[in-house]
Amino acid sequence: MNRLEKLRNDVYSFAELDTLEKNAKKLSDLETLDLIAVSRLSKTAKGEQPQKEKDSEGDETPPSRRSRRRKA
């Protein structure tokens, strides 16, 4: 199965779609960019959600009150 077929069948995860989008923008590949947009919309319609992005320190949860006091 090639890349375009995988895009049509929603095989890629949101993270993989981000990578494909970066590459397609560099190459000005309009067909791939269109398929990525459709794939994201269909994944969202199916109820899938992208993973939460980590903040600059790599933590997924906000720091506790105690650790915020230590930093200051």
Protein backbone atom coordinates (compact mmCIF):
# COMPACT_ATOMS: atom_id res chain seq x y z
CA MET A 1 0.00 0.00 0.00
CA ASN A 2 1.54 3.32 -1.00
CA ARG A 3 1.42 6.65 0.78
CA LEU A 4 -1.59 8.03 -1.11
CA GLU A 5 -3.65 4.88 -0.50
CA LYS A 6 -2.79 5.02 3.20
CA LEU A 7 -3.92 8.66 3.34
CA ARG A 8 -7.21 7.76 1.66
CA ASN A 9 -7.77 4.92 4.16
CA ASP A 10 -6.89 6.95 7.30
CA VAL A 11 -3.99 4.69 8.25
CA TYR A 12 -1.71 7.45 9.56
CA SER A 13 -1.87 8.88 13.09
CA PHE A 14 -2.12 12.61 13.74
CA ALA A 15 1.61 12.78 14.49
CA GLU A 16 2.44 11.03 11.23
CA LEU A 17 0.09 13.40 9.38
CA ASP A 18 2.02 16.35 10.83
CA THR A 19 5.28 14.92 9.48
CA LEU A 20 3.76 14.19 6.09
CA GLU A 21 2.36 17.71 5.96
CA LYS A 22 5.77 19.26 6.63
CA ASN A 23 7.33 17.19 3.85
CA ALA A 24 4.49 17.90 1.41
CA LYS A 25 4.79 21.64 2.04
CA LYS A 26 8.52 21.51 1.29
CA LEU A 27 7.79 19.69 -1.97
CA SER A 28 4.67 21.76 -2.79
CA ASP A 29 2.69 18.53 -3.17
CA LEU A 30 -0.88 19.82 -3.36
CA GLU A 31 -2.48 16.38 -3.79
CA THR A 32 -0.91 15.09 -0.59
CA LEU A 33 -1.82 18.27 1.31
CA ASP A 34 -5.46 17.88 0.23
CA LEU A 35 -5.51 14.23 1.29
CA ILE A 36 -3.97 15.11 4.67
CA ALA A 37 -6.70 17.69 5.28
CA VAL A 38 -9.41 15.18 4.36
CA SER A 39 -7.80 12.51 6.54
CA ARG A 40 -7.68 14.84 9.56
CA LEU A 41 -11.32 15.78 9.11
CA SER A 42 -12.44 12.18 8.79
CA LYS A 43 -10.42 11.13 11.86
CA THR A 44 -11.99 13.96 13.85
CA ALA A 45 -15.46 12.99 12.59
CA LYS A 46 -14.83 9.40 13.74
CA GLY A 47 -14.05 10.71 17.22
CA GLU A 48 -10.27 10.37 17.18
CA GLN A 49 -8.37 13.20 18.77
CA PRO A 50 -4.74 14.24 18.44
CA GLN A 51 -2.51 13.62 21.43
CA LYS A 52 -1.99 16.60 23.68
CA GLU A 53 1.20 18.44 22.92
CA LYS A 54 3.77 18.63 25.67
CA ASP A 55 4.83 22.01 26.99
CA SER A 56 8.36 23.35 26.61
CA GLU A 57 9.72 21.26 29.51
CA GLY A 58 8.12 18.06 28.24
CA ASP A 59 5.60 17.77 31.06
CA GLU A 60 2.02 16.88 30.20
CA THR A 61 0.55 18.08 33.48
CA PRO A 62 0.96 21.49 35.03
CA PRO A 63 3.43 21.66 37.91
CA SER A 64 2.11 21.24 41.43
CA ARG A 65 1.83 24.20 43.77
CA ARG A 66 4.92 23.05 45.69
CA SER A 67 7.13 22.82 42.61
CA ARG A 68 5.97 26.22 41.38
CA ARG A 69 7.06 27.72 44.71
CA ARG A 70 10.51 26.10 44.44
CA LYS A 71 11.16 27.62 41.01
CA ALA A 72 10.43 31.18 42.18
